[in-house]
Amino acid sequence: RLSCAASGITFGSYAMGWYRQAPGKERELVARISSGGSTNYA
């Protein structure tokens, strides 16, 4: 279970996402949640 604690932003107005980067590969989107709660996944 990964957690991300944000500070210094108006959190509710941001889309939040998790990305990952494996060695030798480009960073890719894993999952995203909009400010309204909509989600999308790789």
Full PDB file with SEQRES, HELIX, SHEET, SSBOND, CRYST1, ORIGX, SCALE, CONECT and MASTER records, all heavy atoms in Angstrom:
SEQRES   1 A   42  ARG LEU SER CYS ALA ALA SER GLY ILE THR PHE GLY SER          
SEQRES   2 A   42  TYR ALA MET GLY TRP TYR ARG GLN ALA PRO GLY LYS GLU          
SEQRES   3 A   42  ARG GLU LEU VAL ALA ARG ILE SER SER GLY GLY SER THR          
SEQRES   4 A   42  ASN TYR ALA                                                  
HELIX    1 AA1 PHE A   11  SER A   13  5                                   3    
SHEET    1 AA1 3 MET A  16  ARG A  20  0                                        
SHEET    2 AA1 3 GLU A  28  ILE A  33 -1                                        
SHEET    3 AA1 3 THR A  39  TYR A  41 -1                                        
CRYST1    1.000    1.000    1.000  90.00  90.00  90.00 P 1           1          
ORIGX1      1.000000  0.000000  0.000000        0.00000                         
ORIGX2      0.000000  1.000000  0.000000        0.00000                         
ORIGX3      0.000000  0.000000  1.000000        0.00000                         
SCALE1      1.000000  0.000000  0.000000        0.00000                         
SCALE2      0.000000  1.000000  0.000000        0.00000                         
SCALE3      0.000000  0.000000  1.000000        0.00000                         
ATOM      1  N   ARG A   1       0.858  -1.178   0.000  1.00  0.00           N  
ATOM      2  CA  ARG A   1       0.000   0.000   0.000  1.00  0.00           C  
ATOM      3  C   ARG A   1       0.891   1.223   0.000  1.00  0.00           C  
ATOM      4  O   ARG A   1       1.638   1.463   0.957  1.00  0.00           O  
ATOM      5  CB  ARG A   1      -0.891  -0.013   1.237  1.00  0.00           C  
ATOM      6  CG  ARG A   1      -1.869   1.132   1.358  1.00  0.00           C  
ATOM      7  CD  ARG A   1      -2.653   0.957   2.657  1.00  0.00           C  
ATOM      8  NE  ARG A   1      -3.539   2.058   2.960  1.00  0.00           N  
ATOM      9  CZ  ARG A   1      -4.785   2.139   2.576  1.00  0.00           C  
ATOM     10  NH1 ARG A   1      -5.326   1.173   1.862  1.00  0.00           N  
ATOM     11  NH2 ARG A   1      -5.536   3.180   2.904  1.00  0.00           N  
ATOM     12  N   LEU A   2       0.840   1.987  -1.082  1.00  0.00           N  
ATOM     13  CA  LEU A   2       1.621   3.206  -1.187  1.00  0.00           C  
ATOM     14  C   LEU A   2       0.758   4.407  -0.792  1.00  0.00           C  
ATOM     15  O   LEU A   2      -0.408   4.479  -1.182  1.00  0.00           O  
ATOM     16  CB  LEU A   2       2.124   3.415  -2.614  1.00  0.00           C  
ATOM     17  CG  LEU A   2       2.962   2.291  -3.228  1.00  0.00           C  
ATOM     18  CD1 LEU A   2       3.456   2.716  -4.616  1.00  0.00           C  
ATOM     19  CD2 LEU A   2       4.123   1.921  -2.347  1.00  0.00           C  
ATOM     20  N   SER A   3       1.353   5.319  -0.054  1.00  0.00           N  
ATOM     21  CA  SER A   3       0.671   6.554   0.331  1.00  0.00           C  
ATOM     22  C   SER A   3       1.476   7.751  -0.128  1.00  0.00           C  
ATOM     23  O   SER A   3       2.702   7.696  -0.191  1.00  0.00           O  
ATOM     24  CB  SER A   3       0.485   6.625   1.845  1.00  0.00           C  
ATOM     25  OG  SER A   3      -0.398   5.646   2.318  1.00  0.00           O  
ATOM     26  N   CYS A   4       0.773   8.813  -0.437  1.00  0.00           N  
ATOM     27  CA  CYS A   4       1.409  10.070  -0.816  1.00  0.00           C  
ATOM     28  C   CYS A   4       0.736  11.184  -0.026  1.00  0.00           C  
ATOM     29  O   CYS A   4      -0.482  11.387  -0.150  1.00  0.00           O  
ATOM     30  CB  CYS A   4       1.268  10.311  -2.308  1.00  0.00           C  
ATOM     31  SG  CYS A   4       1.826  11.931  -2.878  1.00  0.00           S  
ATOM     32  N   ALA A   5       1.527  11.870   0.774  1.00  0.00           N  
ATOM     33  CA  ALA A   5       1.026  12.992   1.557  1.00  0.00           C  
ATOM     34  C   ALA A   5       1.429  14.291   0.873  1.00  0.00           C  
ATOM     35  O   ALA A   5       2.615  14.509   0.613  1.00  0.00           O  
ATOM     36  CB  ALA A   5       1.585  12.940   2.967  1.00  0.00           C  
ATOM     37  N   ALA A   6       0.451  15.119   0.578  1.00  0.00           N  
ATOM     38  CA  ALA A   6       0.704  16.367  -0.131  1.00  0.00           C  
ATOM     39  C   ALA A   6       0.585  17.559   0.804  1.00  0.00           C  
ATOM     40  O   ALA A   6      -0.258  17.577   1.712  1.00  0.00           O  
ATOM     41  CB  ALA A   6      -0.287  16.520  -1.284  1.00  0.00           C  
ATOM     42  N   SER A   7       1.433  18.540   0.568  1.00  0.00           N  
ATOM     43  CA  SER A   7       1.351  19.808   1.290  1.00  0.00           C  
ATOM     44  C   SER A   7       1.739  20.937   0.357  1.00  0.00           C  
ATOM     45  O   SER A   7       2.448  20.716  -0.639  1.00  0.00           O  
ATOM     46  CB  SER A   7       2.254  19.798   2.528  1.00  0.00           C  
ATOM     47  OG  SER A   7       3.602  19.583   2.162  1.00  0.00           O  
ATOM     48  N   GLY A   8       1.259  22.127   0.645  1.00  0.00           N  
ATOM     49  CA  GLY A   8       1.597  23.284  -0.165  1.00  0.00           C  
ATOM     50  C   GLY A   8       0.744  23.465  -1.395  1.00  0.00           C  
ATOM     51  O   GLY A   8       1.030  24.351  -2.210  1.00  0.00           O  
ATOM     52  N   ILE A   9      -0.277  22.635  -1.568  1.00  0.00           N  
ATOM     53  CA  ILE A   9      -1.194  22.764  -2.699  1.00  0.00           C  
ATOM     54  C   ILE A   9      -2.633  22.694  -2.201  1.00  0.00           C  
ATOM     55  O   ILE A   9      -2.886  22.178  -1.101  1.00  0.00           O  
ATOM     56  CB  ILE A   9      -0.988  21.663  -3.774  1.00  0.00           C  
ATOM     57  CG1 ILE A   9      -1.187  20.259  -3.196  1.00  0.00           C  
ATOM     58  CG2 ILE A   9       0.376  21.800  -4.429  1.00  0.00           C  
ATOM     59  CD1 ILE A   9      -1.176  19.148  -4.237  1.00  0.00           C  
ATOM     60  N   THR A  10      -3.543  23.202  -3.013  1.00  0.00           N  
ATOM     61  CA  THR A  10      -4.965  23.042  -2.730  1.00  0.00           C  
ATOM     62  C   THR A  10      -5.348  21.658  -3.232  1.00  0.00           C  
ATOM     63  O   THR A  10      -5.763  21.481  -4.377  1.00  0.00           O  
ATOM     64  CB  THR A  10      -5.783  24.133  -3.428  1.00  0.00           C  
ATOM     65  OG1 THR A  10      -5.251  25.415  -3.088  1.00  0.00           O  
ATOM     66  CG2 THR A  10      -7.241  24.069  -2.986  1.00  0.00           C  
ATOM     67  N   PHE A  11      -5.176  20.681  -2.385  1.00  0.00           N  
ATOM     68  CA  PHE A  11      -5.183  19.274  -2.786  1.00  0.00           C  
ATOM     69  C   PHE A  11      -6.434  18.903  -3.580  1.00  0.00           C  
ATOM     70  O   PHE A  11      -6.341  18.225  -4.601  1.00  0.00           O  
ATOM     71  CB  PHE A  11      -5.079  18.403  -1.535  1.00  0.00           C  
ATOM     72  CG  PHE A  11      -5.003  16.923  -1.817  1.00  0.00           C  
ATOM     73  CD1 PHE A  11      -3.806  16.346  -2.214  1.00  0.00           C  
ATOM     74  CD2 PHE A  11      -6.124  16.116  -1.671  1.00  0.00           C  
ATOM     75  CE1 PHE A  11      -3.728  14.981  -2.472  1.00  0.00           C  
ATOM     76  CE2 PHE A  11      -6.059  14.763  -1.924  1.00  0.00           C  
ATOM     77  CZ  PHE A  11      -4.850  14.184  -2.323  1.00  0.00           C  
ATOM     78  N   GLY A  12      -7.574  19.317  -3.131  1.00  0.00           N  
ATOM     79  CA  GLY A  12      -8.828  18.910  -3.761  1.00  0.00           C  
ATOM     80  C   GLY A  12      -8.984  19.373  -5.193  1.00  0.00           C  
ATOM     81  O   GLY A  12      -9.809  18.831  -5.930  1.00  0.00           O  
ATOM     82  N   SER A  13      -8.192  20.345  -5.621  1.00  0.00           N  
ATOM     83  CA  SER A  13      -8.308  20.860  -6.981  1.00  0.00           C  
ATOM     84  C   SER A  13      -7.356  20.174  -7.955  1.00  0.00           C  
ATOM     85  O   SER A  13      -7.356  20.490  -9.145  1.00  0.00           O  
ATOM     86  CB  SER A  13      -8.038  22.372  -7.001  1.00  0.00           C  
ATOM     87  OG  SER A  13      -6.688  22.659  -6.717  1.00  0.00           O  
ATOM     88  N   TYR A  14      -6.578  19.238  -7.463  1.00  0.00           N  
ATOM     89  CA  TYR A  14      -5.586  18.551  -8.295  1.00  0.00           C  
ATOM     90  C   TYR A  14      -6.032  17.132  -8.639  1.00  0.00           C  
ATOM     91  O   TYR A  14      -6.581  16.414  -7.791  1.00  0.00           O  
ATOM     92  CB  TYR A  14      -4.245  18.466  -7.575  1.00  0.00           C  
ATOM     93  CG  TYR A  14      -3.437  19.731  -7.629  1.00  0.00           C  
ATOM     94  CD1 TYR A  14      -3.778  20.828  -6.849  1.00  0.00           C  
ATOM     95  CD2 TYR A  14      -2.335  19.837  -8.469  1.00  0.00           C  
ATOM     96  CE1 TYR A  14      -3.051  21.992  -6.902  1.00  0.00           C  
ATOM     97  CE2 TYR A  14      -1.584  21.010  -8.516  1.00  0.00           C  
ATOM     98  CZ  TYR A  14      -1.957  22.077  -7.736  1.00  0.00           C  
ATOM     99  OH  TYR A  14      -1.224  23.238  -7.792  1.00  0.00           O  
ATOM    100  N   ALA A  15      -5.742  16.741  -9.877  1.00  0.00           N  
ATOM    101  CA  ALA A  15      -5.758  15.324 -10.209  1.00  0.00           C  
ATOM    102  C   ALA A  15      -4.489  14.721  -9.627  1.00  0.00           C  
ATOM    103  O   ALA A  15      -3.413  15.311  -9.702  1.00  0.00           O  
ATOM    104  CB  ALA A  15      -5.792  15.124 -11.722  1.00  0.00           C  
ATOM    105  N   MET A  16      -4.636  13.537  -9.043  1.00  0.00           N  
ATOM    106  CA  MET A  16      -3.488  12.869  -8.427  1.00  0.00           C  
ATOM    107  C   MET A  16      -3.217  11.567  -9.171  1.00  0.00           C  
ATOM    108  O   MET A  16      -4.147  10.857  -9.583  1.00  0.00           O  
ATOM    109  CB  MET A  16      -3.764  12.578  -6.958  1.00  0.00           C  
ATOM    110  CG  MET A  16      -4.036  13.811  -6.117  1.00  0.00           C  
ATOM    111  SD  MET A  16      -2.650  14.966  -6.088  1.00  0.00           S  
ATOM    112  CE  MET A  16      -1.369  13.959  -5.329  1.00  0.00           C  
ATOM    113  N   GLY A  17      -1.955  11.261  -9.309  1.00  0.00           N  
ATOM    114  CA  GLY A  17      -1.616  10.048 -10.037  1.00  0.00           C  
ATOM    115  C   GLY A  17      -0.414   9.347  -9.449  1.00  0.00           C  
ATOM    116  O   GLY A  17       0.367   9.927  -8.695  1.00  0.00           O  
ATOM    117  N   TRP A  18      -0.316   8.091  -9.805  1.00  0.00           N  
ATOM    118  CA  TRP A  18       0.875   7.288  -9.508  1.00  0.00           C  
ATOM    119  C   TRP A  18       1.486   6.853 -10.832  1.00  0.00           C  
ATOM    120  O   TRP A  18       0.785   6.353 -11.719  1.00  0.00           O  
ATOM    121  CB  TRP A  18       0.519   6.057  -8.691  1.00  0.00           C  
ATOM    122  CG  TRP A  18       0.198   6.353  -7.273  1.00  0.00           C  
ATOM    123  CD1 TRP A  18      -1.048   6.549  -6.727  1.00  0.00           C  
ATOM    124  CD2 TRP A  18       1.127   6.506  -6.190  1.00  0.00           C  
ATOM    125  NE1 TRP A  18      -0.939   6.817  -5.389  1.00  0.00           N  
ATOM    126  CE2 TRP A  18       0.384   6.783  -5.027  1.00  0.00           C  
ATOM    127  CE3 TRP A  18       2.526   6.426  -6.089  1.00  0.00           C  
ATOM    128  CZ2 TRP A  18       0.976   6.998  -3.792  1.00  0.00           C  
ATOM    129  CZ3 TRP A  18       3.116   6.624  -4.861  1.00  0.00           C  
ATOM    130  CH2 TRP A  18       2.342   6.912  -3.719  1.00  0.00           C  
ATOM    131  N   TYR A  19       2.765   7.079 -10.962  1.00  0.00           N  
ATOM    132  CA  TYR A  19       3.537   6.668 -12.118  1.00  0.00           C  
ATOM    133  C   TYR A  19       4.639   5.735 -11.632  1.00  0.00           C  
ATOM    134  O   TYR A  19       4.970   5.712 -10.445  1.00  0.00           O  
ATOM    135  CB  TYR A  19       4.162   7.879 -12.810  1.00  0.00           C  
ATOM    136  CG  TYR A  19       3.169   8.776 -13.523  1.00  0.00           C  
ATOM    137  CD1 TYR A  19       2.274   9.579 -12.809  1.00  0.00           C  
ATOM    138  CD2 TYR A  19       3.130   8.833 -14.914  1.00  0.00           C  
ATOM    139  CE1 TYR A  19       1.369  10.400 -13.464  1.00  0.00           C  
ATOM    140  CE2 TYR A  19       2.234   9.663 -15.576  1.00  0.00           C  
ATOM    141  CZ  TYR A  19       1.355  10.432 -14.845  1.00  0.00           C  
ATOM    142  OH  TYR A  19       0.458  11.247 -15.489  1.00  0.00           O  
ATOM    143  N   ARG A  20       5.222   5.010 -12.574  1.00  0.00           N  
ATOM    144  CA  ARG A  20       6.356   4.165 -12.209  1.00  0.00           C  
ATOM    145  C   ARG A  20       7.382   4.167 -13.318  1.00  0.00           C  
ATOM    146  O   ARG A  20       7.073   4.390 -14.481  1.00  0.00           O  
ATOM    147  CB  ARG A  20       5.905   2.741 -11.893  1.00  0.00           C  
ATOM    148  CG  ARG A  20       5.365   1.962 -13.084  1.00  0.00           C  
ATOM    149  CD  ARG A  20       4.785   0.621 -12.615  1.00  0.00           C  
ATOM    150  NE  ARG A  20       4.262  -0.167 -13.727  1.00  0.00           N  
ATOM    151  CZ  ARG A  20       3.574  -1.300 -13.576  1.00  0.00           C  
ATOM    152  NH1 ARG A  20       3.324  -1.775 -12.344  1.00  0.00           N  
ATOM    153  NH2 ARG A  20       3.138  -1.960 -14.635  1.00  0.00           N  
ATOM    154  N   GLN A  21       8.612   3.906 -12.913  1.00  0.00           N  
ATOM    155  CA  GLN A  21       9.715   3.831 -13.869  1.00  0.00           C  
ATOM    156  C   GLN A  21      10.619   2.672 -13.494  1.00  0.00           C  
ATOM    157  O   GLN A  21      11.218   2.673 -12.409  1.00  0.00           O  
ATOM    158  CB  GLN A  21      10.495   5.134 -13.912  1.00  0.00           C  
ATOM    159  CG  GLN A  21      11.532   5.193 -15.015  1.00  0.00           C  
ATOM    160  CD  GLN A  21      12.060   6.593 -15.244  1.00  0.00           C  
ATOM    161  OE1 GLN A  21      11.949   7.467 -14.396  1.00  0.00           O  
ATOM    162  NE2 GLN A  21      12.632   6.816 -16.413  1.00  0.00           N  
ATOM    163  N   ALA A  22      10.689   1.715 -14.391  1.00  0.00           N  
ATOM    164  CA  ALA A  22      11.585   0.579 -14.213  1.00  0.00           C  
ATOM    165  C   ALA A  22      12.920   0.895 -14.868  1.00  0.00           C  
ATOM    166  O   ALA A  22      12.998   1.744 -15.765  1.00  0.00           O  
ATOM    167  CB  ALA A  22      10.960  -0.665 -14.825  1.00  0.00           C  
ATOM    168  N   PRO A  23      13.987   0.219 -14.447  1.00  0.00           N  
ATOM    169  CA  PRO A  23      15.306   0.484 -15.032  1.00  0.00           C  
ATOM    170  C   PRO A  23      15.286   0.324 -16.553  1.00  0.00           C  
ATOM    171  O   PRO A  23      14.779  -0.670 -17.080  1.00  0.00           O  
ATOM    172  CB  PRO A  23      16.191  -0.569 -14.378  1.00  0.00           C  
ATOM    173  CG  PRO A  23      15.533  -0.864 -13.087  1.00  0.00           C  
ATOM    174  CD  PRO A  23      14.057  -0.759 -13.352  1.00  0.00           C  
ATOM    175  N   GLY A  24      15.800   1.321 -17.239  1.00  0.00           N  
ATOM    176  CA  GLY A  24      15.885   1.268 -18.686  1.00  0.00           C  
ATOM    177  C   GLY A  24      14.596   1.545 -19.420  1.00  0.00           C  
ATOM    178  O   GLY A  24      14.542   1.431 -20.650  1.00  0.00           O  
ATOM    179  N   LYS A  25      13.561   1.886 -18.672  1.00  0.00           N  
ATOM    180  CA  LYS A  25      12.261   2.143 -19.298  1.00  0.00           C  
ATOM    181  C   LYS A  25      11.798   3.564 -19.002  1.00  0.00           C  
ATOM    182  O   LYS A  25      12.279   4.207 -18.077  1.00  0.00           O  
ATOM    183  CB  LYS A  25      11.224   1.140 -18.811  1.00  0.00           C  
ATOM    184  CG  LYS A  25      11.503  -0.299 -19.222  1.00  0.00           C  
ATOM    185  CD  LYS A  25      10.351  -1.206 -18.864  1.00  0.00           C  
ATOM    186  CE  LYS A  25      10.590  -2.622 -19.347  1.00  0.00           C  
ATOM    187  NZ  LYS A  25       9.456  -3.518 -19.026  1.00  0.00           N  
ATOM    188  N   GLU A  26      10.828   4.018 -19.784  1.00  0.00           N  
ATOM    189  CA  GLU A  26      10.266   5.349 -19.560  1.00  0.00           C  
ATOM    190  C   GLU A  26       9.268   5.307 -18.406  1.00  0.00           C  
ATOM    191  O   GLU A  26       8.698   4.259 -18.082  1.00  0.00           O  
ATOM    192  CB  GLU A  26       9.572   5.834 -20.828  1.00  0.00           C  
ATOM    193  CG  GLU A  26      10.518   6.095 -21.995  1.00  0.00           C  
ATOM    194  CD  GLU A  26       9.818   6.733 -23.184  1.00  0.00           C  
ATOM    195  OE1 GLU A  26       8.586   6.845 -23.168  1.00  0.00           O  
ATOM    196  OE2 GLU A  26      10.514   7.112 -24.138  1.00  0.00           O  
ATOM    197  N   ARG A  27       9.076   6.465 -17.811  1.00  0.00           N  
ATOM    198  CA  ARG A  27       8.073   6.587 -16.767  1.00  0.00           C  
ATOM    199  C   ARG A  27       6.693   6.405 -17.382  1.00  0.00           C  
ATOM    200  O   ARG A  27       6.401   6.947 -18.448  1.00  0.00           O  
ATOM    201  CB  ARG A  27       8.172   7.951 -16.077  1.00  0.00           C  
ATOM    202  CG  ARG A  27       7.365   8.077 -14.820  1.00  0.00           C  
ATOM    203  CD  ARG A  27       7.668   9.389 -14.102  1.00  0.00           C  
ATOM    204  NE  ARG A  27       9.060   9.478 -13.663  1.00  0.00           N  
ATOM    205  CZ  ARG A  27       9.514  10.442 -12.880  1.00  0.00           C  
ATOM    206  NH1 ARG A  27       8.682  11.386 -12.429  1.00  0.00           N  
ATOM    207  NH2 ARG A  27      10.778  10.478 -12.528  1.00  0.00           N  
ATOM    208  N   GLU A  28       5.850   5.629 -16.707  1.00  0.00           N  
ATOM    209  CA  GLU A  28       4.523   5.353 -17.239  1.00  0.00           C  
ATOM    210  C   GLU A  28       3.453   5.577 -16.179  1.00  0.00           C  
ATOM    211  O   GLU A  28       3.706   5.413 -14.975  1.00  0.00           O  
ATOM    212  CB  GLU A  28       4.435   3.904 -17.747  1.00  0.00           C  
ATOM    213  CG  GLU A  28       4.614   2.848 -16.675  1.00  0.00           C  
ATOM    214  CD  GLU A  28       4.407   1.436 -17.190  1.00  0.00           C  
ATOM    215  OE1 GLU A  28       4.095   1.245 -18.371  1.00  0.00           O  
ATOM    216  OE2 GLU A  28       4.546   0.501 -16.358  1.00  0.00           O  
ATOM    217  N   LEU A  29       2.268   5.935 -16.658  1.00  0.00           N  
ATOM    218  CA  LEU A  29       1.137   6.110 -15.757  1.00  0.00           C  
ATOM    219  C   LEU A  29       0.670   4.754 -15.241  1.00  0.00           C  
ATOM    220  O   LEU A  29       0.503   3.812 -16.012  1.00  0.00           O  
ATOM    221  CB  LEU A  29      -0.013   6.802 -16.484  1.00  0.00           C  
ATOM    222  CG  LEU A  29      -1.318   6.926 -15.698  1.00  0.00           C  
ATOM    223  CD1 LEU A  29      -1.163   7.894 -14.548  1.00  0.00           C  
ATOM    224  CD2 LEU A  29      -2.444   7.386 -16.622  1.00  0.00           C  
ATOM    225  N   VAL A  30       0.454   4.664 -13.935  1.00  0.00           N  
ATOM    226  CA  VAL A  30      -0.103   3.465 -13.325  1.00  0.00           C  
ATOM    227  C   VAL A  30      -1.595   3.668 -13.048  1.00  0.00           C  
ATOM    228  O   VAL A  30      -2.435   2.868 -13.445  1.00  0.00           O  
ATOM    229  CB  VAL A  30       0.627   3.131 -12.013  1.00  0.00           C  
ATOM    230  CG1 VAL A  30      -0.030   1.947 -11.317  1.00  0.00           C  
ATOM    231  CG2 VAL A  30       2.105   2.872 -12.274  1.00  0.00           C  
ATOM    232  N   ALA A  31      -1.915   4.758 -12.358  1.00  0.00           N  
ATOM    233  CA  ALA A  31      -3.303   5.040 -11.997  1.00  0.00           C  
ATOM    234  C   ALA A  31      -3.447   6.529 -11.730  1.00  0.00           C  
ATOM    235  O   ALA A  31      -2.497   7.186 -11.317  1.00  0.00           O  
ATOM    236  CB  ALA A  31      -3.725   4.243 -10.762  1.00  0.00           C  
ATOM    237  N   ARG A  32      -4.654   7.004 -11.964  1.00  0.00           N  
ATOM    238  CA  ARG A  32      -4.915   8.423 -11.811  1.00  0.00           C  
ATOM    239  C   ARG A  32      -6.318   8.595 -11.247  1.00  0.00           C  
ATOM    240  O   ARG A  32      -7.232   7.831 -11.574  1.00  0.00           O  
ATOM    241  CB  ARG A  32      -4.791   9.113 -13.167  1.00  0.00           C  
ATOM    242  CG  ARG A  32      -5.016  10.613 -13.174  1.00  0.00           C  
ATOM    243  CD  ARG A  32      -4.891  11.139 -14.593  1.00  0.00           C  
ATOM    244  NE  ARG A  32      -5.122  12.571 -14.697  1.00  0.00           N  
ATOM    245  CZ  ARG A  32      -6.328  13.118 -14.844  1.00  0.00           C  
ATOM    246  NH1 ARG A  32      -7.405  12.353 -14.906  1.00  0.00           N  
ATOM    247  NH2 ARG A  32      -6.443  14.436 -14.940  1.00  0.00           N  
ATOM    248  N   ILE A  33      -6.474   9.616 -10.395  1.00  0.00           N  
ATOM    249  CA  ILE A  33      -7.790   9.940  -9.862  1.00  0.00           C  
ATOM    250  C   ILE A  33      -7.992  11.432 -10.006  1.00  0.00           C  
ATOM    251  O   ILE A  33      -7.142  12.231  -9.591  1.00  0.00           O  
ATOM    252  CB  ILE A  33      -7.944   9.447  -8.399  1.00  0.00           C  
ATOM    253  CG1 ILE A  33      -9.367   9.704  -7.902  1.00  0.00           C  
ATOM    254  CG2 ILE A  33      -6.906  10.056  -7.474  1.00  0.00           C  
ATOM    255  CD1 ILE A  33      -9.679   8.953  -6.595  1.00  0.00           C  
ATOM    256  N   SER A  34      -9.097  11.812 -10.600  1.00  0.00           N  
ATOM    257  CA  SER A  34      -9.360  13.225 -10.855  1.00  0.00           C  
ATOM    258  C   SER A  34      -9.791  13.929  -9.567  1.00  0.00           C  
ATOM    259  O   SER A  34     -10.062  13.286  -8.541  1.00  0.00           O  
ATOM    260  CB  SER A  34     -10.447  13.366 -11.916  1.00  0.00           C  
ATOM    261  OG  SER A  34     -11.707  12.998 -11.368  1.00  0.00           O  
ATOM    262  N   SER A  35      -9.897  15.234  -9.665  1.00  0.00           N  
ATOM    263  CA  SER A  35     -10.369  15.994  -8.507  1.00  0.00           C  
ATOM    264  C   SER A  35     -11.797  15.598  -8.143  1.00  0.00           C  
ATOM    265  O   SER A  35     -12.198  15.697  -6.977  1.00  0.00           O  
ATOM    266  CB  SER A  35     -10.289  17.499  -8.787  1.00  0.00           C  
ATOM    267  OG  SER A  35     -11.034  17.829  -9.946  1.00  0.00           O  
ATOM    268  N   GLY A  36     -12.537  15.103  -9.105  1.00  0.00           N  
ATOM    269  CA  GLY A  36     -13.912  14.681  -8.856  1.00  0.00           C  
ATOM    270  C   GLY A  36     -14.049  13.223  -8.454  1.00  0.00           C  
ATOM    271  O   GLY A  36     -15.156  12.760  -8.160  1.00  0.00           O  
ATOM    272  N   GLY A  37     -12.916  12.492  -8.462  1.00  0.00           N  
ATOM    273  CA  GLY A  37     -12.938  11.107  -8.014  1.00  0.00           C  
ATOM    274  C   GLY A  37     -12.976  10.067  -9.119  1.00  0.00           C  
ATOM    275  O   GLY A  37     -12.979   8.869  -8.834  1.00  0.00           O  
ATOM    276  N   SER A  38     -12.975  10.500 -10.373  1.00  0.00           N  
ATOM    277  CA  SER A  38     -12.929   9.530 -11.479  1.00  0.00           C  
ATOM    278  C   SER A  38     -11.544   8.908 -11.551  1.00  0.00           C  
ATOM    279  O   SER A  38     -10.546   9.584 -11.354  1.00  0.00           O  
ATOM    280  CB  SER A  38     -13.266  10.216 -12.804  1.00  0.00           C  
ATOM    281  OG  SER A  38     -14.557  10.762 -12.768  1.00  0.00           O  
ATOM    282  N   THR A  39     -11.507   7.626 -11.869  1.00  0.00           N  
ATOM    283  CA  THR A  39     -10.232   6.911 -11.891  1.00  0.00           C  
ATOM    284  C   THR A  39      -9.958   6.300 -13.262  1.00  0.00           C  
ATOM    285  O   THR A  39     -10.889   5.986 -14.020  1.00  0.00           O  
ATOM    286  CB  THR A  39     -10.209   5.786 -10.853  1.00  0.00           C  
ATOM    287  OG1 THR A  39     -11.280   4.875 -11.115  1.00  0.00           O  
ATOM    288  CG2 THR A  39     -10.361   6.335  -9.445  1.00  0.00           C  
ATOM    289  N   ASN A  40      -8.681   6.163 -13.566  1.00  0.00           N  
ATOM    290  CA  ASN A  40      -8.285   5.360 -14.716  1.00  0.00           C  
ATOM    291  C   ASN A  40      -6.969   4.657 -14.398  1.00  0.00           C  
ATOM    292  O   ASN A  40      -6.189   5.128 -13.564  1.00  0.00           O  
ATOM    293  CB  ASN A  40      -8.211   6.174 -16.012  1.00  0.00           C  
ATOM    294  CG  ASN A  40      -7.214   7.293 -15.949  1.00  0.00           C  
ATOM    295  OD1 ASN A  40      -7.446   8.319 -15.337  1.00  0.00           O  
ATOM    296  ND2 ASN A  40      -6.067   7.091 -16.601  1.00  0.00           N  
ATOM    297  N   TYR A  41      -6.784   3.512 -15.047  1.00  0.00           N  
ATOM    298  CA  TYR A  41      -5.667   2.619 -14.744  1.00  0.00           C  
ATOM    299  C   TYR A  41      -4.974   2.163 -16.016  1.00  0.00           C  
ATOM    300  O   TYR A  41      -5.610   2.022 -17.072  1.00  0.00           O  
ATOM    301  CB  TYR A  41      -6.167   1.374 -14.004  1.00  0.00           C  
ATOM    302  CG  TYR A  41      -6.806   1.646 -12.664  1.00  0.00           C  
ATOM    303  CD1 TYR A  41      -8.164   1.909 -12.551  1.00  0.00           C  
ATOM    304  CD2 TYR A  41      -6.033   1.662 -11.494  1.00  0.00           C  
ATOM    305  CE1 TYR A  41      -8.748   2.181 -11.321  1.00  0.00           C  
ATOM    306  CE2 TYR A  41      -6.604   1.915 -10.261  1.00  0.00           C  
ATOM    307  CZ  TYR A  41      -7.959   2.169 -10.184  1.00  0.00           C  
ATOM    308  OH  TYR A  41      -8.522   2.435  -8.957  1.00  0.00           O  
ATOM    309  N   ALA A  42      -3.699   1.884 -15.885  1.00  0.00           N  
ATOM    310  CA  ALA A  42      -2.994   1.205 -16.957  1.00  0.00           C  
ATOM    311  C   ALA A  42      -3.586  -0.188 -17.110  1.00  0.00           C  
ATOM    312  O   ALA A  42      -3.983  -0.822 -16.119  1.00  0.00           O  
ATOM    313  CB  ALA A  42      -1.509   1.119 -16.637  1.00  0.00           C  
TER     314      ALA A  42                                                      
MASTER        0    0    0    1    3    0    0    6  313    1    0    4          
END                                                                             
